[in-house]
Amino acid sequence: MAQGNRMQRIAGLVQTTLAEILLKETEDSRFHAVTITSVGLARDMSSAKVFVSVWDETKATETVAALNKAAKFLRYALAHSKIEMRIIPELKFVYDDSIVRGSRISSLINAALKDTKPDNE
């Protein structure tokens, strides 16, 4: 169980550090509109799947492609950040549409509740 907690702490550290790097050390304005929702580390920490959401959903595919193209630079920046790890994972960015799906479900529920309310209230 302690190994799982350690992996979660490291994934959280990678997440916050990558977010800082995207905001402060990149010049691509698309990266400033990215939110890292979670990081999944391989057991041997050789790779990390970085789940991101994008403010402008119409540019999500383009932004994720740009992130994956910049993955080597971001890995290098991660290695030279405050993180002290023997192995810096290879980064693979994946679009996370859970926020959009959640919003869509919430609006559907609100619409259904609005339709079922009696008119006299």
N, C-alpha and C. Protein backbone atom coordinates (compact mmCIF):
# COMPACT_ATOMS: atom_id res chain seq x y z
N MET A 1 0.82 -1.20 0.00
CA MET A 1 0.00 0.00 0.00
C MET A 1 0.86 1.25 0.00
N ALA A 2 2.01 1.20 0.68
CA ALA A 2 2.89 2.36 0.73
C ALA A 2 3.42 2.70 -0.66
N GLN A 3 3.65 1.67 -1.49
CA GLN A 3 4.13 1.91 -2.85
C GLN A 3 3.11 2.72 -3.65
N GLY A 4 1.81 2.43 -3.48
CA GLY A 4 0.76 3.18 -4.17
C GLY A 4 0.74 4.64 -3.76
N ASN A 5 0.89 4.89 -2.46
CA ASN A 5 0.93 6.28 -1.97
C ASN A 5 2.12 7.03 -2.53
N ARG A 6 3.26 6.35 -2.62
CA ARG A 6 4.46 6.98 -3.16
C ARG A 6 4.26 7.33 -4.62
N MET A 7 3.69 6.44 -5.39
CA MET A 7 3.43 6.69 -6.81
C MET A 7 2.47 7.86 -6.98
N GLN A 8 1.46 7.94 -6.12
CA GLN A 8 0.50 9.06 -6.19
C GLN A 8 1.18 10.38 -5.87
N ARG A 9 2.06 10.38 -4.88
CA ARG A 9 2.79 11.61 -4.52
C ARG A 9 3.69 12.05 -5.67
N ILE A 10 4.38 11.10 -6.28
CA ILE A 10 5.27 11.43 -7.39
C ILE A 10 4.45 11.94 -8.58
N ALA A 11 3.34 11.27 -8.88
CA ALA A 11 2.47 11.72 -9.98
C ALA A 11 1.95 13.13 -9.72
N GLY A 12 1.57 13.42 -8.50
CA GLY A 12 1.12 14.76 -8.14
C GLY A 12 2.22 15.80 -8.29
N LEU A 13 3.44 15.43 -7.92
CA LEU A 13 4.57 16.34 -8.07
C LEU A 13 4.87 16.59 -9.54
N VAL A 14 4.82 15.55 -10.36
CA VAL A 14 5.02 15.70 -11.79
C VAL A 14 3.93 16.61 -12.36
N GLN A 15 2.69 16.40 -11.91
CA GLN A 15 1.57 17.21 -12.40
C GLN A 15 1.76 18.69 -12.10
N THR A 16 2.06 19.03 -10.87
CA THR A 16 2.20 20.45 -10.51
C THR A 16 3.43 21.08 -11.16
N THR A 17 4.51 20.32 -11.25
CA THR A 17 5.73 20.86 -11.86
C THR A 17 5.54 21.08 -13.35
N LEU A 18 4.89 20.13 -14.03
CA LEU A 18 4.61 20.30 -15.46
C LEU A 18 3.69 21.50 -15.70
N ALA A 19 2.71 21.69 -14.83
CA ALA A 19 1.81 22.84 -14.96
C ALA A 19 2.59 24.14 -14.86
N GLU A 20 3.53 24.21 -13.92
CA GLU A 20 4.37 25.41 -13.78
C GLU A 20 5.23 25.62 -15.03
N ILE A 21 5.79 24.53 -15.55
CA ILE A 21 6.63 24.63 -16.74
C ILE A 21 5.82 25.13 -17.93
N LEU A 22 4.62 24.58 -18.11
CA LEU A 22 3.78 25.00 -19.23
C LEU A 22 3.43 26.47 -19.13
N LEU A 23 3.22 26.94 -17.93
CA LEU A 23 2.82 28.33 -17.74
C LEU A 23 4.00 29.31 -17.84
N LYS A 24 5.14 28.93 -17.27
CA LYS A 24 6.24 29.88 -17.13
C LYS A 24 7.37 29.72 -18.14
N GLU A 25 7.57 28.49 -18.66
CA GLU A 25 8.77 28.26 -19.46
C GLU A 25 8.48 27.98 -20.93
N THR A 26 7.24 28.06 -21.35
CA THR A 26 6.93 27.83 -22.76
C THR A 26 6.42 29.12 -23.38
N GLU A 27 6.68 29.25 -24.66
CA GLU A 27 6.25 30.45 -25.37
C GLU A 27 4.98 30.22 -26.18
N ASP A 28 4.59 28.98 -26.36
CA ASP A 28 3.39 28.65 -27.13
C ASP A 28 2.16 29.03 -26.30
N SER A 29 1.38 29.96 -26.80
CA SER A 29 0.23 30.46 -26.05
C SER A 29 -0.83 29.39 -25.84
N ARG A 30 -0.87 28.37 -26.70
CA ARG A 30 -1.83 27.28 -26.53
C ARG A 30 -1.59 26.54 -25.22
N PHE A 31 -0.33 26.45 -24.81
CA PHE A 31 0.02 25.72 -23.59
C PHE A 31 -0.45 26.44 -22.32
N HIS A 32 -0.68 27.74 -22.42
CA HIS A 32 -1.14 28.50 -21.27
C HIS A 32 -2.63 28.27 -21.01
N ALA A 33 -3.32 27.68 -21.98
CA ALA A 33 -4.75 27.40 -21.85
C ALA A 33 -5.00 25.92 -21.58
N VAL A 34 -4.02 25.24 -21.00
CA VAL A 34 -4.10 23.81 -20.74
C VAL A 34 -4.17 23.58 -19.24
N THR A 35 -5.02 22.65 -18.83
CA THR A 35 -5.08 22.22 -17.45
C THR A 35 -4.70 20.75 -17.40
N ILE A 36 -3.74 20.42 -16.57
CA ILE A 36 -3.35 19.02 -16.39
C ILE A 36 -4.29 18.43 -15.35
N THR A 37 -5.14 17.49 -15.79
CA THR A 37 -6.14 16.93 -14.88
C THR A 37 -5.59 15.79 -14.05
N SER A 38 -4.67 15.00 -14.60
CA SER A 38 -4.03 13.93 -13.83
C SER A 38 -2.82 13.41 -14.58
N VAL A 39 -2.01 12.65 -13.85
CA VAL A 39 -0.83 12.02 -14.42
C VAL A 39 -0.84 10.56 -13.99
N GLY A 40 -0.69 9.68 -14.96
CA GLY A 40 -0.59 8.25 -14.67
C GLY A 40 0.82 7.78 -14.95
N LEU A 41 1.49 7.27 -13.92
CA LEU A 41 2.86 6.81 -14.06
C LEU A 41 2.89 5.30 -14.25
N ALA A 42 3.81 4.84 -15.09
CA ALA A 42 4.06 3.40 -15.21
C ALA A 42 4.71 2.93 -13.92
N ARG A 43 4.59 1.65 -13.63
CA ARG A 43 5.14 1.12 -12.38
C ARG A 43 6.64 1.37 -12.25
N ASP A 44 7.36 1.30 -13.36
CA ASP A 44 8.81 1.53 -13.32
C ASP A 44 9.17 3.00 -13.51
N MET A 45 8.18 3.85 -13.61
CA MET A 45 8.31 5.30 -13.76
C MET A 45 9.05 5.70 -15.03
N SER A 46 9.08 4.83 -16.02
CA SER A 46 9.77 5.16 -17.27
C SER A 46 8.89 5.98 -18.20
N SER A 47 7.58 5.94 -17.97
CA SER A 47 6.68 6.72 -18.81
C SER A 47 5.53 7.26 -17.98
N ALA A 48 4.97 8.34 -18.49
CA ALA A 48 3.83 8.98 -17.81
C ALA A 48 2.81 9.39 -18.85
N LYS A 49 1.57 9.09 -18.57
CA LYS A 49 0.47 9.54 -19.41
C LYS A 49 -0.10 10.78 -18.72
N VAL A 50 -0.04 11.90 -19.40
CA VAL A 50 -0.47 13.18 -18.84
C VAL A 50 -1.82 13.54 -19.46
N PHE A 51 -2.85 13.56 -18.64
CA PHE A 51 -4.20 13.88 -19.11
C PHE A 51 -4.42 15.38 -18.99
N VAL A 52 -4.86 15.98 -20.10
CA VAL A 52 -5.04 17.43 -20.14
C VAL A 52 -6.42 17.80 -20.66
N SER A 53 -6.92 18.92 -20.17
CA SER A 53 -8.12 19.52 -20.75
C SER A 53 -7.71 20.88 -21.30
N VAL A 54 -8.45 21.33 -22.29
CA VAL A 54 -8.10 22.56 -22.99
C VAL A 54 -9.29 23.51 -22.89
N TRP A 55 -9.02 24.78 -22.63
CA TRP A 55 -10.09 25.77 -22.48
C TRP A 55 -10.90 25.90 -23.77
N ASP A 56 -10.22 25.96 -24.90
CA ASP A 56 -10.90 26.07 -26.19
C ASP A 56 -11.01 24.66 -26.79
N GLU A 57 -12.17 24.04 -26.60
CA GLU A 57 -12.37 22.66 -27.02
C GLU A 57 -12.18 22.46 -28.52
N THR A 58 -12.37 23.50 -29.32
CA THR A 58 -12.22 23.36 -30.76
C THR A 58 -10.76 23.16 -31.15
N LYS A 59 -9.84 23.55 -30.28
CA LYS A 59 -8.42 23.41 -30.55
C LYS A 59 -7.77 22.30 -29.75
N ALA A 60 -8.57 21.40 -29.18
CA ALA A 60 -8.04 20.36 -28.31
C ALA A 60 -7.09 19.43 -29.05
N THR A 61 -7.48 18.94 -30.22
CA THR A 61 -6.64 18.01 -30.97
C THR A 61 -5.32 18.66 -31.35
N GLU A 62 -5.39 19.89 -31.82
CA GLU A 62 -4.20 20.64 -32.22
C GLU A 62 -3.27 20.88 -31.02
N THR A 63 -3.84 21.22 -29.88
CA THR A 63 -3.05 21.52 -28.69
C THR A 63 -2.37 20.26 -28.16
N VAL A 64 -3.10 19.15 -28.12
CA VAL A 64 -2.52 17.90 -27.63
C VAL A 64 -1.40 17.44 -28.56
N ALA A 65 -1.59 17.61 -29.87
CA ALA A 65 -0.54 17.26 -30.82
C ALA A 65 0.71 18.13 -30.58
N ALA A 66 0.52 19.41 -30.32
CA ALA A 66 1.64 20.31 -30.04
C ALA A 66 2.34 19.92 -28.74
N LEU A 67 1.57 19.52 -27.73
CA LEU A 67 2.16 19.07 -26.47
C LEU A 67 3.01 17.82 -26.69
N ASN A 68 2.50 16.88 -27.47
CA ASN A 68 3.25 15.66 -27.73
C ASN A 68 4.51 15.95 -28.55
N LYS A 69 4.44 16.95 -29.42
CA LYS A 69 5.61 17.35 -30.19
C LYS A 69 6.66 17.98 -29.27
N ALA A 70 6.20 18.69 -28.25
CA ALA A 70 7.10 19.35 -27.30
C ALA A 70 7.46 18.47 -26.11
N ALA A 71 7.07 17.20 -26.14
CA ALA A 71 7.26 16.31 -24.99
C ALA A 71 8.72 16.17 -24.58
N LYS A 72 9.64 16.12 -25.54
CA LYS A 72 11.06 15.99 -25.19
C LYS A 72 11.57 17.23 -24.47
N PHE A 73 11.18 18.41 -24.95
CA PHE A 73 11.55 19.64 -24.27
C PHE A 73 10.97 19.67 -22.85
N LEU A 74 9.71 19.27 -22.71
CA LEU A 74 9.06 19.30 -21.40
C LEU A 74 9.70 18.29 -20.45
N ARG A 75 10.10 17.15 -20.98
CA ARG A 75 10.80 16.15 -20.16
C ARG A 75 12.14 16.72 -19.69
N TYR A 76 12.85 17.39 -20.59
CA TYR A 76 14.12 18.01 -20.25
C TYR A 76 13.91 19.07 -19.15
N ALA A 77 12.90 19.90 -19.33
CA ALA A 77 12.59 20.93 -18.33
C ALA A 77 12.21 20.30 -16.99
N LEU A 78 11.49 19.20 -17.04
CA LEU A 78 11.11 18.48 -15.83
C LEU A 78 12.35 17.94 -15.12
N ALA A 79 13.31 17.43 -15.91
CA ALA A 79 14.54 16.89 -15.33
C ALA A 79 15.38 17.98 -14.67
N HIS A 80 15.28 19.20 -15.16
CA HIS A 80 16.08 20.30 -14.62
C HIS A 80 15.27 21.20 -13.69
N SER A 81 14.16 20.68 -13.20
CA SER A 81 13.32 21.44 -12.27
C SER A 81 13.67 21.00 -10.85
N LYS A 82 12.79 21.33 -9.93
CA LYS A 82 13.02 21.00 -8.52
C LYS A 82 12.80 19.52 -8.21
N ILE A 83 12.28 18.76 -9.16
CA ILE A 83 12.06 17.33 -8.95
C ILE A 83 13.40 16.61 -8.92
N GLU A 84 13.60 15.79 -7.92
CA GLU A 84 14.81 14.98 -7.84
C GLU A 84 14.43 13.52 -8.01
N MET A 85 14.48 13.07 -9.25
CA MET A 85 14.16 11.68 -9.57
C MET A 85 15.32 11.09 -10.36
N ARG A 86 15.58 9.80 -10.14
CA ARG A 86 16.62 9.13 -10.93
C ARG A 86 16.17 8.98 -12.37
N ILE A 87 14.90 8.64 -12.55
CA ILE A 87 14.35 8.43 -13.88
C ILE A 87 13.28 9.48 -14.12
N ILE A 88 13.45 10.24 -15.18
CA ILE A 88 12.42 11.19 -15.58
C ILE A 88 11.58 10.50 -16.65
N PRO A 89 10.28 10.37 -16.43
CA PRO A 89 9.46 9.60 -17.36
C PRO A 89 9.30 10.26 -18.72
N GLU A 90 9.16 9.42 -19.75
CA GLU A 90 8.78 9.92 -21.07
C GLU A 90 7.33 10.36 -20.97
N LEU A 91 7.00 11.47 -21.60
CA LEU A 91 5.67 12.06 -21.46
C LEU A 91 4.82 11.79 -22.70
N LYS A 92 3.60 11.38 -22.46
CA LYS A 92 2.61 11.22 -23.53
C LYS A 92 1.37 11.98 -23.08
N PHE A 93 0.96 12.95 -23.87
CA PHE A 93 -0.19 13.78 -23.52
C PHE A 93 -1.44 13.22 -24.16
N VAL A 94 -2.52 13.17 -23.37
CA VAL A 94 -3.79 12.61 -23.81
C VAL A 94 -4.90 13.60 -23.43
N TYR A 95 -5.82 13.82 -24.36
CA TYR A 95 -6.94 14.72 -24.10
C TYR A 95 -7.92 14.09 -23.12
N ASP A 96 -8.30 14.82 -22.09
CA ASP A 96 -9.25 14.35 -21.08
C ASP A 96 -10.55 15.12 -21.27
N ASP A 97 -11.56 14.43 -21.76
CA ASP A 97 -12.84 15.10 -22.02
C ASP A 97 -13.84 14.91 -20.88
N SER A 98 -13.39 14.49 -19.72
CA SER A 98 -14.30 14.24 -18.60
C SER A 98 -15.01 15.51 -18.14
N ILE A 99 -14.34 16.66 -18.20
CA ILE A 99 -14.96 17.91 -17.78
C ILE A 99 -16.10 18.28 -18.73
N VAL A 100 -15.85 18.12 -20.02
CA VAL A 100 -16.88 18.42 -21.03
C VAL A 100 -18.06 17.46 -20.88
N ARG A 101 -17.76 16.17 -20.69
CA ARG A 101 -18.84 15.19 -20.52
C ARG A 101 -19.63 15.47 -19.26
N GLY A 102 -18.95 15.82 -18.17
CA GLY A 102 -19.64 16.14 -16.92
C GLY A 102 -20.54 17.35 -17.06
N SER A 103 -20.05 18.36 -17.76
CA SER A 103 -20.85 19.56 -17.99
C SER A 103 -22.08 19.24 -18.83
N ARG A 104 -21.89 18.42 -19.85
CA ARG A 104 -23.01 18.03 -20.72
C ARG A 104 -24.06 17.24 -19.92
N ILE A 105 -23.62 16.31 -19.09
CA ILE A 105 -24.55 15.52 -18.27
C ILE A 105 -25.28 16.41 -17.29
N SER A 106 -24.55 17.36 -16.68
CA SER A 106 -25.17 18.28 -15.73
C SER A 106 -26.26 19.12 -16.40
N SER A 107 -25.98 19.61 -17.61
CA SER A 107 -26.99 20.41 -18.31
C SER A 107 -28.19 19.56 -18.71
N LEU A 108 -27.96 18.30 -19.06
CA LEU A 108 -29.08 17.41 -19.37
C LEU A 108 -29.95 17.15 -18.14
N ILE A 109 -29.31 16.96 -16.99
CA ILE A 109 -30.06 16.75 -15.75
C ILE A 109 -30.86 18.00 -15.40
N ASN A 110 -30.24 19.17 -15.52
CA ASN A 110 -30.94 20.42 -15.23
C ASN A 110 -32.13 20.61 -16.16
N ALA A 111 -31.97 20.28 -17.43
CA ALA A 111 -33.07 20.40 -18.38
C ALA A 111 -34.19 19.43 -18.04
N ALA A 112 -33.84 18.22 -17.64
CA ALA A 112 -34.85 17.22 -17.28
C ALA A 112 -35.60 17.67 -16.02
N LEU A 113 -34.88 18.20 -15.04
CA LEU A 113 -35.54 18.69 -13.82
C LEU A 113 -36.45 19.87 -14.10
N LYS A 114 -36.03 20.73 -14.99
CA LYS A 114 -36.84 21.89 -15.36
C LYS A 114 -38.13 21.44 -16.03
N ASP A 115 -38.07 20.41 -16.86
CA ASP A 115 -39.24 19.91 -17.56
C ASP A 115 -40.21 19.20 -16.64
N THR A 116 -39.73 18.63 -15.51
CA THR A 116 -40.61 17.88 -14.62
C THR A 116 -41.23 18.72 -13.53
N LYS A 117 -40.81 19.99 -13.35
CA LYS A 117 -41.38 20.84 -12.31
C LYS A 117 -42.80 21.25 -12.69
N PRO A 118 -43.69 21.26 -11.73
CA PRO A 118 -45.06 21.75 -12.01
C PRO A 118 -45.04 23.24 -12.35
N ASP A 119 -45.98 23.68 -13.17
CA ASP A 119 -46.00 25.07 -13.63
C ASP A 119 -46.39 26.06 -12.54
N ASN A 120 -47.08 25.60 -11.48
CA ASN A 120 -47.56 26.53 -10.45
C ASN A 120 -46.46 26.93 -9.45
N GLU A 121 -45.27 26.37 -9.55
CA GLU A 121 -44.20 26.75 -8.60
C GLU A 121 -43.39 27.88 -9.10
